[in-house]
Amino acid sequence: MTTLTTPDLASATSGAPRITPRPGVGGSGLAATVRQSLTMAYRGLIKVRRTPEQLFDVTLMPIVFTVMFTYIFGGAIAGDVSSYLPIIIPGILVQTNITSSIVTGVQLREDMDKGVFDRFRSLPIARIAPLAGALLADTVRYAIATTITFTVGFIMGLRPAGGIGSVLLAGLLVVVVAWAISWVFAYFGVVARTASSVSGISNLVLFPLTFLSNAFVPADTLPDWLHWFSDVNPVSHLITAVRDLVNHGTVGGDLWLSLLGAAVIVAVFAPLTVRAYMRKA
């Protein structure tokens, strides 16, 4: 048997091709993690471009809900459609964005079930990048829903007294809160067994919060027990903050409560989601 010494081994392998990582793919540290997360977010947007039906909930639903609820309830609640628009548009805006955040958990669970995240594990990237990228990509969906809802409202006759600056601030507020809430459903996506269970659990939690709020009717028209629930409902605080901005251009306590609630959600569910995800990734 011939034993190769270290110089002989180096000589024997000197002709083998050397594999070098592509620039921007590997690396470590915060900068590399951010770069890789943005790449994963772009991957999510490319996936949406190839399957545009994934955007139905943030493109068609705001139009359907706005037109349907406005013409069904407008006359009964506000007397006419134009008087109801300042009430319903903020409600539809919040409901659409918060409801669409469920998709974060569903798609995350589907990717994990299909083995997509197993393939990501073999890449020289930060393990947290696929999760962070999915959450970043969904902010684009919230921005689309916000733009379409306001556009439909303008077409139907909404004239925000707060001005365009307050409208933009209201849209940004809703996107930020929806992104924070998406951490809750991302956690469900990681710990649940199937995508259908993620959807079922999320709807069970979210629908009472959105429909038992002041989204569609003034809270003072509700029964006493429901009025109390609406007053403490965090969704109602967000809707009120959006109405104050859009209709009056004012920043009240409801806006700060909404931001505080979003910060608490991220502080609680981001570590839980990351810890659960890292155990499975």
Protein backbone atom coordinates (compact mmCIF):
# COMPACT_ATOMS: atom_id res chain seq x y z
CA MET A 1 0.00 0.00 0.00
CA THR A 2 1.29 3.46 -0.89
CA THR A 3 0.73 6.20 1.67
CA LEU A 4 0.47 9.76 0.43
CA THR A 5 2.22 12.35 2.53
CA THR A 6 0.75 15.81 2.94
CA PRO A 7 2.83 17.33 0.11
CA ASP A 8 1.90 14.36 -2.15
CA LEU A 9 -1.79 14.78 -1.29
CA ALA A 10 -1.66 18.47 -2.06
CA SER A 11 0.07 17.68 -5.37
CA ALA A 12 -2.49 15.01 -6.25
CA THR A 13 -5.45 17.34 -5.66
CA SER A 14 -3.91 20.46 -7.08
CA GLY A 15 -5.60 19.88 -10.42
CA ALA A 16 -9.11 19.46 -8.96
CA PRO A 17 -11.54 22.31 -9.65
CA ARG A 18 -11.94 24.65 -6.75
CA ILE A 19 -15.49 25.59 -5.72
CA THR A 20 -15.90 29.19 -4.66
CA PRO A 21 -19.13 30.70 -3.42
CA ARG A 22 -20.89 33.20 -5.63
CA PRO A 23 -20.61 36.80 -4.47
CA GLY A 24 -23.55 37.81 -2.31
CA VAL A 25 -24.79 34.26 -1.69
CA GLY A 26 -22.75 33.17 1.29
CA GLY A 27 -21.27 35.18 4.07
CA SER A 28 -22.23 35.81 7.62
CA GLY A 29 -23.09 38.73 9.81
CA LEU A 30 -25.99 41.17 9.88
CA ALA A 31 -25.30 42.70 6.46
CA ALA A 32 -25.22 39.30 4.76
CA THR A 33 -28.40 38.20 6.56
CA VAL A 34 -30.23 41.33 5.44
CA ARG A 35 -29.03 40.85 1.87
CA GLN A 36 -30.09 37.22 1.84
CA SER A 37 -33.49 38.08 3.36
CA LEU A 38 -34.07 40.62 0.61
CA THR A 39 -33.16 37.97 -1.96
CA MET A 40 -35.72 35.61 -0.41
CA ALA A 41 -38.30 38.41 -0.47
CA TYR A 42 -37.61 38.89 -4.19
CA ARG A 43 -38.08 35.15 -4.64
CA GLY A 44 -41.50 35.47 -3.02
CA LEU A 45 -42.46 38.29 -5.38
CA ILE A 46 -41.31 36.25 -8.39
CA LYS A 47 -43.52 33.39 -7.21
CA VAL A 48 -46.50 35.74 -7.06
CA ARG A 49 -45.79 36.97 -10.58
CA ARG A 50 -45.95 33.40 -11.86
CA THR A 51 -49.17 32.67 -9.94
CA PRO A 52 -51.03 36.01 -9.87
CA GLU A 53 -54.13 34.38 -8.38
CA GLN A 54 -52.29 34.62 -5.05
CA LEU A 55 -53.10 38.34 -5.15
CA PHE A 56 -56.86 37.89 -5.45
CA ASP A 57 -57.36 38.52 -1.74
CA VAL A 58 -55.64 41.93 -1.95
CA THR A 59 -56.90 42.98 -5.39
CA LEU A 60 -60.43 41.68 -5.92
CA MET A 61 -61.62 41.43 -2.32
CA PRO A 62 -61.19 45.16 -1.49
CA ILE A 63 -63.23 46.03 -4.58
CA VAL A 64 -65.97 43.47 -3.89
CA PHE A 65 -66.26 44.30 -0.18
CA THR A 66 -66.20 48.06 -0.71
CA VAL A 67 -68.87 48.08 -3.42
CA MET A 68 -71.05 45.45 -1.74
CA PHE A 69 -71.04 46.81 1.82
CA THR A 70 -71.30 50.43 0.72
CA TYR A 71 -74.43 49.95 -1.35
CA ILE A 72 -76.03 47.45 1.06
CA PHE A 73 -75.48 49.34 4.32
CA GLY A 74 -74.83 52.91 3.15
CA GLY A 75 -78.42 54.09 3.06
CA ALA A 76 -79.49 52.28 6.22
CA ILE A 77 -76.55 53.40 8.38
CA ALA A 78 -75.50 56.81 7.07
CA GLY A 79 -78.45 57.87 4.92
CA ASP A 80 -76.57 57.76 1.61
CA VAL A 81 -73.48 56.29 0.02
CA SER A 82 -71.31 59.41 0.14
CA SER A 83 -71.88 59.80 3.88
CA TYR A 84 -71.04 56.13 4.50
CA LEU A 85 -67.73 56.12 2.61
CA PRO A 86 -65.73 57.87 5.39
CA ILE A 87 -66.93 55.10 7.74
CA ILE A 88 -66.59 52.03 5.53
CA ILE A 89 -63.31 52.73 3.67
CA PRO A 90 -61.12 52.68 6.82
CA GLY A 91 -62.99 49.57 7.98
CA ILE A 92 -62.50 47.75 4.68
CA LEU A 93 -58.86 48.86 4.57
CA VAL A 94 -58.07 47.40 8.00
CA GLN A 95 -60.13 44.25 7.49
CA THR A 96 -58.56 43.45 4.11
CA ASN A 97 -54.97 43.93 5.26
CA ILE A 98 -55.33 42.04 8.52
CA THR A 99 -57.20 39.17 6.87
CA SER A 100 -54.63 38.89 4.10
CA SER A 101 -51.88 38.46 6.71
CA ILE A 102 -53.20 34.92 7.20
CA VAL A 103 -51.62 34.04 3.85
CA THR A 104 -48.18 34.43 5.45
CA GLY A 105 -48.69 31.41 7.68
CA VAL A 106 -50.47 29.34 5.02
CA GLN A 107 -47.77 29.81 2.40
CA LEU A 108 -45.04 29.23 4.97
CA ARG A 109 -46.60 25.91 5.95
CA GLU A 110 -47.01 24.93 2.27
CA ASP A 111 -43.35 25.66 1.54
CA MET A 112 -42.27 23.59 4.52
CA ASP A 113 -44.54 20.70 3.52
CA LYS A 114 -43.22 20.73 -0.06
CA GLY A 115 -39.60 20.58 1.08
CA VAL A 116 -38.73 24.04 -0.20
CA PHE A 117 -37.15 24.98 3.12
CA ASP A 118 -35.15 21.75 3.09
CA ARG A 119 -33.52 22.95 -0.12
CA PHE A 120 -32.88 26.35 1.43
CA ARG A 121 -31.10 24.58 4.29
CA SER A 122 -28.49 23.28 1.86
CA LEU A 123 -27.64 26.80 0.64
CA PRO A 124 -24.88 28.91 2.22
CA ILE A 125 -27.35 31.44 3.61
CA ALA A 126 -28.56 32.46 7.04
CA ARG A 127 -31.17 30.03 8.31
CA ILE A 128 -33.50 32.89 9.22
CA ALA A 129 -33.40 34.44 5.71
CA PRO A 130 -36.29 32.41 4.17
CA LEU A 131 -38.61 33.31 7.05
CA ALA A 132 -37.62 36.98 7.05
CA GLY A 133 -37.91 37.11 3.27
CA ALA A 134 -41.45 35.72 3.32
CA LEU A 135 -42.55 38.34 5.83
CA LEU A 136 -40.91 41.15 3.86
CA ALA A 137 -42.53 40.05 0.60
CA ASP A 138 -45.97 40.18 2.18
CA THR A 139 -45.60 43.90 2.91
CA VAL A 140 -45.94 44.42 -0.85
CA ARG A 141 -49.29 42.63 -0.73
CA TYR A 142 -50.47 44.94 2.07
CA ALA A 143 -49.39 47.99 0.07
CA ILE A 144 -51.36 46.73 -2.95
CA ALA A 145 -54.49 46.18 -0.85
CA THR A 146 -54.14 49.67 0.67
CA THR A 147 -53.72 51.35 -2.72
CA ILE A 148 -56.69 49.54 -4.27
CA THR A 149 -58.99 50.23 -1.31
CA PHE A 150 -58.29 53.96 -1.35
CA THR A 151 -58.55 54.07 -5.14
CA VAL A 152 -61.98 52.43 -5.11
CA GLY A 153 -63.04 54.83 -2.37
CA PHE A 154 -61.92 57.84 -4.43
CA ILE A 155 -63.77 56.55 -7.48
CA MET A 156 -66.96 56.10 -5.44
CA GLY A 157 -66.74 59.61 -4.03
CA LEU A 158 -64.51 59.56 -0.95
CA ARG A 159 -62.90 62.97 -0.37
CA PRO A 160 -60.49 62.73 2.58
CA ALA A 161 -60.67 65.92 4.62
CA GLY A 162 -57.34 65.05 6.20
CA GLY A 163 -55.45 65.51 2.93
CA ILE A 164 -53.14 63.25 0.95
CA GLY A 165 -50.43 63.28 3.61
CA SER A 166 -52.79 61.89 6.23
CA VAL A 167 -54.01 59.25 3.77
CA LEU A 168 -50.44 58.10 3.16
CA LEU A 169 -49.77 58.02 6.90
CA ALA A 170 -52.94 55.98 7.45
CA GLY A 171 -51.89 53.51 4.76
CA LEU A 172 -48.43 53.18 6.28
CA LEU A 173 -49.94 52.59 9.71
CA VAL A 174 -52.13 49.75 8.43
CA VAL A 175 -49.22 48.12 6.56
CA VAL A 176 -47.03 48.23 9.68
CA VAL A 177 -49.72 46.73 11.90
CA ALA A 178 -50.59 44.05 9.32
CA TRP A 179 -46.90 43.12 9.10
CA ALA A 180 -46.76 42.83 12.89
CA ILE A 181 -49.85 40.60 12.94
CA SER A 182 -48.35 38.40 10.22
CA TRP A 183 -45.84 37.22 12.86
CA VAL A 184 -48.74 35.58 14.71
CA PHE A 185 -49.82 33.62 11.65
CA ALA A 186 -46.21 32.84 10.74
CA TYR A 187 -45.97 31.16 14.13
CA PHE A 188 -49.11 29.16 13.36
CA GLY A 189 -47.55 28.23 10.02
CA VAL A 190 -44.44 26.86 11.68
CA VAL A 191 -46.12 24.88 14.47
CA ALA A 192 -49.27 23.67 12.70
CA ARG A 193 -49.33 20.36 10.87
CA THR A 194 -51.10 21.38 7.64
CA ALA A 195 -51.84 24.54 5.68
CA SER A 196 -55.58 24.00 6.07
CA SER A 197 -55.23 23.93 9.85
CA VAL A 198 -53.29 27.21 9.71
CA SER A 199 -56.13 28.80 7.75
CA GLY A 200 -58.79 27.40 10.06
CA ILE A 201 -57.09 28.49 13.28
CA SER A 202 -56.27 31.93 11.88
CA ASN A 203 -59.81 32.60 10.68
CA LEU A 204 -61.21 31.45 14.03
CA VAL A 205 -59.03 34.02 15.78
CA LEU A 206 -59.30 36.87 13.30
CA PHE A 207 -62.87 36.95 12.04
CA PRO A 208 -64.48 37.76 15.42
CA LEU A 209 -61.97 40.57 15.91
CA THR A 210 -62.70 42.14 12.52
CA PHE A 211 -66.47 41.73 12.35
CA LEU A 212 -67.18 42.46 16.04
CA SER A 213 -65.58 45.87 15.73
CA ASN A 214 -66.57 49.32 14.53
CA ALA A 215 -65.52 48.50 10.96
CA PHE A 216 -68.99 48.63 9.39
CA VAL A 217 -71.23 50.41 11.90
CA PRO A 218 -70.67 53.06 14.58
CA ALA A 219 -69.97 51.42 17.93
CA ASP A 220 -72.74 53.36 19.70
CA THR A 221 -75.38 51.52 17.66
CA LEU A 222 -74.32 48.14 19.07
CA PRO A 223 -75.83 46.35 22.08
CA ASP A 224 -74.16 47.16 25.39
CA TRP A 225 -72.17 43.94 25.67
CA LEU A 226 -71.00 44.16 22.05
CA HIS A 227 -70.30 47.86 22.43
CA TRP A 228 -67.98 47.02 25.33
CA PHE A 229 -66.16 44.38 23.27
CA SER A 230 -65.82 46.77 20.34
CA ASP A 231 -64.35 49.44 22.60
CA VAL A 232 -61.59 47.12 23.88
CA ASN A 233 -61.07 45.42 20.52
CA PRO A 234 -57.61 46.39 19.17
CA VAL A 235 -58.98 46.26 15.62
CA SER A 236 -61.45 49.00 16.54
CA HIS A 237 -58.61 51.18 17.82
CA LEU A 238 -56.76 50.77 14.52
CA ILE A 239 -59.88 51.59 12.49
CA THR A 240 -60.54 54.67 14.61
CA ALA A 241 -56.95 55.82 14.13
CA VAL A 242 -57.30 55.46 10.35
CA ARG A 243 -60.63 57.34 10.38
CA ASP A 244 -59.12 60.17 12.40
CA LEU A 245 -56.28 60.50 9.91
CA VAL A 246 -58.33 60.17 6.72
CA ASN A 247 -61.38 62.20 7.74
CA HIS A 248 -59.84 64.80 10.05
CA GLY A 249 -56.07 64.67 9.62
CA THR A 250 -55.60 64.20 13.36
CA VAL A 251 -53.36 61.87 15.34
CA GLY A 252 -55.05 60.59 18.47
CA GLY A 253 -54.45 58.08 21.20
CA ASP A 254 -55.79 55.23 19.06
CA LEU A 255 -52.83 55.55 16.70
CA TRP A 256 -50.33 55.22 19.53
CA LEU A 257 -52.27 52.30 21.02
CA SER A 258 -52.18 50.58 17.62
CA LEU A 259 -48.42 51.05 17.30
CA LEU A 260 -47.91 49.87 20.88
CA GLY A 261 -50.01 46.79 20.20
CA ALA A 262 -48.02 46.06 17.05
CA ALA A 263 -44.76 46.38 18.98
CA VAL A 264 -46.01 44.00 21.69
CA ILE A 265 -47.07 41.43 19.07
CA VAL A 266 -43.66 41.53 17.40
CA ALA A 267 -41.86 41.38 20.76
CA VAL A 268 -43.82 38.27 21.74
CA PHE A 269 -44.34 36.34 18.52
CA ALA A 270 -41.14 37.13 16.62
CA PRO A 271 -38.93 35.26 19.13
CA LEU A 272 -41.48 32.43 19.37
CA THR A 273 -41.68 32.10 15.59
CA VAL A 274 -37.93 32.27 15.08
CA ARG A 275 -37.27 29.73 17.83
CA ALA A 276 -39.87 27.29 16.45
CA TYR A 277 -38.63 27.82 12.90
CA MET A 278 -34.96 27.30 13.80
CA ARG A 279 -35.80 24.02 15.49
CA LYS A 280 -37.39 22.75 12.27
CA ALA A 281 -34.96 24.40 9.85
